[in-house]
Protein backbone atom coordinates (compact mmCIF):
# COMPACT_ATOMS: atom_id res chain seq x y z
CA MET A 1 -39.04 69.31 22.82
CA SER A 2 -38.93 67.56 19.44
CA GLU A 3 -35.74 65.82 18.45
CA GLY A 4 -33.65 67.94 16.10
CA ILE A 5 -34.96 71.27 17.41
CA SER A 6 -32.47 73.02 19.66
CA LYS A 7 -33.41 75.31 22.50
CA ARG A 8 -33.93 78.91 21.44
CA THR A 9 -31.42 81.04 23.28
CA GLU A 10 -30.96 84.04 20.99
CA ARG A 11 -33.33 86.98 20.69
CA LEU A 12 -33.53 88.91 17.42
CA GLN A 13 -34.99 92.40 17.27
CA ILE A 14 -36.19 93.85 13.98
CA MET A 15 -38.10 96.97 13.09
CA LEU A 16 -41.12 96.58 10.77
CA SER A 17 -43.46 99.05 9.13
CA ASP A 18 -47.17 98.86 9.90
CA GLU A 19 -47.71 97.33 6.45
CA GLU A 20 -45.06 94.63 7.01
CA LEU A 21 -46.53 93.74 10.40
CA LYS A 22 -50.04 93.55 8.93
CA ALA A 23 -48.78 91.23 6.16
CA ILE A 24 -47.18 88.93 8.77
CA ASP A 25 -50.32 88.96 10.93
CA ASP A 26 -52.49 88.21 7.88
CA TRP A 27 -50.20 85.25 7.03
CA ARG A 28 -50.36 84.04 10.62
CA PHE A 29 -54.15 84.15 10.83
CA LYS A 30 -54.63 82.65 7.35
CA PHE A 31 -52.67 79.56 8.38
CA ARG A 32 -53.73 79.60 12.05
CA LEU A 33 -50.20 79.79 13.37
CA PRO A 34 -49.93 80.10 17.16
CA SER A 35 -47.85 83.31 17.31
CA ARG A 36 -46.14 86.04 15.33
CA ALA A 37 -42.81 84.40 16.15
CA ALA A 38 -44.00 81.09 14.67
CA ALA A 39 -45.23 82.90 11.55
CA ILE A 40 -41.92 84.73 11.13
CA ARG A 41 -39.89 81.53 11.65
CA ASP A 42 -42.06 79.76 9.06
CA LEU A 43 -41.67 82.61 6.56
CA ILE A 44 -37.89 82.63 7.10
CA ARG A 45 -37.73 78.85 6.57
CA ARG A 46 -39.80 79.12 3.39
CA GLY A 47 -37.62 81.94 2.08
CA MET A 48 -34.41 80.05 2.82
CA LEU A 49 -35.74 76.96 1.05
CA ASN A 50 -36.67 78.93 -2.08
CA GLN A 51 -33.54 78.63 -4.18
CA GLU A 52 -35.21 80.04 -7.31
CA MET A 53 -35.09 83.63 -6.12
CA PRO A 54 -32.20 85.83 -7.20
CA ALA A 55 -29.53 86.68 -4.65
CA PRO A 56 -30.19 89.84 -2.65
CA ALA A 57 -28.49 93.07 -3.67
CA THR A 58 -25.27 93.73 -1.80
CA ASP A 59 -25.25 97.48 -2.41
CA LYS A 60 -28.39 98.29 -0.37
CA THR A 61 -28.58 99.70 3.12
CA SER A 62 -30.61 97.91 5.79
CA THR A 63 -33.49 100.38 5.49
CA GLU A 64 -33.83 99.65 1.76
CA PHE A 65 -34.87 96.03 2.42
CA SER A 66 -38.57 95.26 2.84
CA SER A 67 -40.55 92.10 3.44
CA LEU A 68 -43.31 93.41 1.18
CA ILE A 69 -43.45 92.56 -2.51
CA ASP A 70 -42.16 95.36 -4.70
CA PRO A 71 -43.88 95.25 -8.10
CA ALA A 72 -40.49 96.03 -9.69
CA ASP A 73 -39.16 92.77 -8.21
CA GLU A 74 -41.95 90.65 -9.70
CA GLN A 75 -40.89 88.37 -12.52
CA ASP A 76 -43.09 87.49 -15.49
């Protein structure tokens, strides 16, 4: 195990739509990542590093969040 990477001991379960799963799989295959889990971890890391995005809404329910791009969220 690489130094600085701790052992993974927690499991996280999420529900995705078919479209969200396809987008993740497309990302994975485009960059030849070894697994869905690796692709999701990479996407999470990239999202957490992107400080230019606005803060998420605090008045939404869990089902109102999507990993797909909403054209209304696109900035000029």
